[in-house]
């Protein structure tokens, strides 16, 4: 787990398609976690004005 935090942001040379796919898959998981965390907050923000009417 510590290796993950040390390697975030570092530019690495990718030699094979498997390495590229693994790298992209990791970024995709991080983006999905970010979206899953922010969507409920955004949804509450959008629908918070409905209570005042």
N, C-alpha and C. Protein backbone atom coordinates (compact mmCIF):
# COMPACT_ATOMS: atom_id res chain seq x y z
N UNK A 1 0.83 -1.19 0.00
CA UNK A 1 0.00 0.00 0.00
C UNK A 1 0.87 1.25 0.00
N UNK A 2 1.97 1.21 0.72
CA UNK A 2 2.86 2.38 0.76
C UNK A 2 3.51 2.59 -0.60
N UNK A 3 3.80 1.51 -1.30
CA UNK A 3 4.39 1.64 -2.64
C UNK A 3 3.45 2.37 -3.58
N UNK A 4 2.15 2.15 -3.41
CA UNK A 4 1.17 2.84 -4.25
C UNK A 4 1.28 4.35 -4.07
N UNK A 5 1.34 4.80 -2.82
CA UNK A 5 1.42 6.24 -2.56
C UNK A 5 2.75 6.83 -2.99
N UNK A 6 3.81 6.05 -2.97
CA UNK A 6 5.11 6.54 -3.43
C UNK A 6 5.15 6.67 -4.94
N UNK A 7 4.40 5.81 -5.65
CA UNK A 7 4.44 5.81 -7.10
C UNK A 7 3.41 6.71 -7.75
N UNK A 8 2.46 7.25 -7.00
CA UNK A 8 1.44 8.12 -7.58
C UNK A 8 2.11 9.40 -8.06
N UNK A 9 1.86 9.74 -9.30
CA UNK A 9 2.41 10.96 -9.86
C UNK A 9 3.74 10.80 -10.55
N UNK A 10 4.34 9.66 -10.41
CA UNK A 10 5.61 9.43 -11.08
C UNK A 10 5.37 8.96 -12.51
N UNK A 11 6.17 9.46 -13.43
CA UNK A 11 6.06 9.05 -14.82
C UNK A 11 6.93 7.82 -15.02
N UNK A 12 6.32 6.76 -15.48
CA UNK A 12 7.05 5.52 -15.70
C UNK A 12 7.05 5.18 -17.19
N UNK A 13 8.10 4.52 -17.62
CA UNK A 13 8.19 4.06 -19.01
C UNK A 13 7.36 2.78 -19.13
N UNK A 14 6.45 2.76 -20.09
CA UNK A 14 5.59 1.59 -20.30
C UNK A 14 6.07 0.88 -21.55
N UNK A 15 6.41 -0.40 -21.38
CA UNK A 15 7.00 -1.16 -22.48
C UNK A 15 6.03 -2.10 -23.16
N UNK A 16 5.03 -2.58 -22.44
CA UNK A 16 4.12 -3.57 -23.03
C UNK A 16 2.68 -3.09 -22.92
N UNK A 17 1.82 -3.73 -23.68
CA UNK A 17 0.40 -3.41 -23.65
C UNK A 17 -0.19 -3.79 -22.30
N UNK A 18 0.30 -4.86 -21.70
CA UNK A 18 -0.20 -5.29 -20.40
C UNK A 18 0.12 -4.25 -19.34
N UNK A 19 1.33 -3.69 -19.36
CA UNK A 19 1.69 -2.64 -18.42
C UNK A 19 0.81 -1.41 -18.62
N UNK A 20 0.57 -1.05 -19.87
CA UNK A 20 -0.28 0.10 -20.17
C UNK A 20 -1.69 -0.13 -19.67
N UNK A 21 -2.24 -1.31 -19.91
CA UNK A 21 -3.60 -1.63 -19.47
C UNK A 21 -3.69 -1.60 -17.94
N UNK A 22 -2.69 -2.13 -17.27
CA UNK A 22 -2.69 -2.12 -15.80
C UNK A 22 -2.65 -0.70 -15.27
N UNK A 23 -1.85 0.15 -15.88
CA UNK A 23 -1.75 1.54 -15.46
C UNK A 23 -3.07 2.28 -15.68
N UNK A 24 -3.68 2.09 -16.85
CA UNK A 24 -4.95 2.75 -17.16
C UNK A 24 -6.07 2.23 -16.25
N UNK A 25 -6.04 0.94 -15.96
CA UNK A 25 -7.07 0.35 -15.10
C UNK A 25 -6.98 0.95 -13.70
N UNK A 26 -5.79 1.16 -13.21
CA UNK A 26 -5.62 1.79 -11.90
C UNK A 26 -6.14 3.21 -11.88
N UNK A 27 -5.87 3.96 -12.94
CA UNK A 27 -6.38 5.33 -13.03
C UNK A 27 -7.91 5.33 -13.13
N UNK A 28 -8.45 4.37 -13.86
CA UNK A 28 -9.90 4.28 -14.00
C UNK A 28 -10.55 4.01 -12.65
N UNK A 29 -9.98 3.15 -11.85
CA UNK A 29 -10.53 2.88 -10.52
C UNK A 29 -10.50 4.13 -9.65
N UNK A 30 -9.43 4.90 -9.72
CA UNK A 30 -9.35 6.13 -8.94
C UNK A 30 -10.41 7.15 -9.39
N UNK A 31 -10.61 7.25 -10.69
CA UNK A 31 -11.63 8.18 -11.21
C UNK A 31 -13.02 7.72 -10.78
N UNK A 32 -13.27 6.41 -10.84
CA UNK A 32 -14.58 5.89 -10.42
C UNK A 32 -14.83 6.16 -8.94
N UNK A 33 -13.83 5.96 -8.10
CA UNK A 33 -14.00 6.25 -6.68
C UNK A 33 -14.29 7.72 -6.45
N UNK A 34 -13.62 8.58 -7.20
CA UNK A 34 -13.87 10.02 -7.07
C UNK A 34 -15.30 10.36 -7.47
N UNK A 35 -15.77 9.80 -8.57
CA UNK A 35 -17.14 10.07 -9.01
C UNK A 35 -18.18 9.50 -8.05
N UNK A 36 -17.93 8.29 -7.55
CA UNK A 36 -18.87 7.69 -6.59
C UNK A 36 -18.93 8.48 -5.30
N UNK A 37 -17.84 9.13 -4.93
CA UNK A 37 -17.83 9.93 -3.70
C UNK A 37 -18.50 11.28 -3.91
N UNK A 38 -18.34 11.88 -5.09
CA UNK A 38 -18.87 13.23 -5.30
C UNK A 38 -20.32 13.25 -5.79
N UNK A 39 -20.79 12.18 -6.40
CA UNK A 39 -22.15 12.20 -6.93
C UNK A 39 -23.21 12.40 -5.85
N UNK A 40 -23.17 11.70 -4.70
CA UNK A 40 -24.19 11.95 -3.68
C UNK A 40 -24.18 13.38 -3.15
N UNK A 41 -23.00 13.97 -3.05
CA UNK A 41 -22.91 15.36 -2.60
C UNK A 41 -23.54 16.28 -3.63
N UNK A 42 -23.24 16.06 -4.89
CA UNK A 42 -23.81 16.86 -5.96
C UNK A 42 -25.33 16.68 -6.03
N UNK A 43 -25.80 15.46 -5.86
CA UNK A 43 -27.24 15.17 -5.91
C UNK A 43 -27.97 15.91 -4.78
N UNK A 44 -27.40 15.89 -3.59
CA UNK A 44 -28.02 16.61 -2.47
C UNK A 44 -28.01 18.11 -2.72
N UNK A 45 -26.94 18.62 -3.32
CA UNK A 45 -26.86 20.05 -3.62
C UNK A 45 -27.94 20.45 -4.63
N UNK A 46 -28.13 19.65 -5.65
CA UNK A 46 -29.12 19.96 -6.70
C UNK A 46 -30.54 19.91 -6.12
N UNK A 47 -30.82 18.93 -5.29
CA UNK A 47 -32.17 18.74 -4.77
C UNK A 47 -32.42 19.44 -3.43
N UNK A 48 -31.49 20.19 -2.93
CA UNK A 48 -31.69 20.87 -1.65
C UNK A 48 -32.66 22.05 -1.79
N UNK A 49 -32.78 22.65 -2.96
CA UNK A 49 -33.68 23.77 -3.17
C UNK A 49 -35.13 23.37 -3.23
N UNK A 50 -35.45 22.08 -3.40
CA UNK A 50 -36.83 21.63 -3.51
C UNK A 50 -37.58 21.75 -2.18
N UNK A 51 -36.89 21.70 -1.06
CA UNK A 51 -37.54 21.77 0.25
C UNK A 51 -38.10 23.16 0.54
N UNK A 52 -37.54 24.19 -0.05
CA UNK A 52 -37.94 25.56 0.23
C UNK A 52 -39.23 25.95 -0.47
N UNK A 53 -39.62 25.22 -1.51
CA UNK A 53 -40.81 25.58 -2.29
C UNK A 53 -42.08 25.13 -1.63
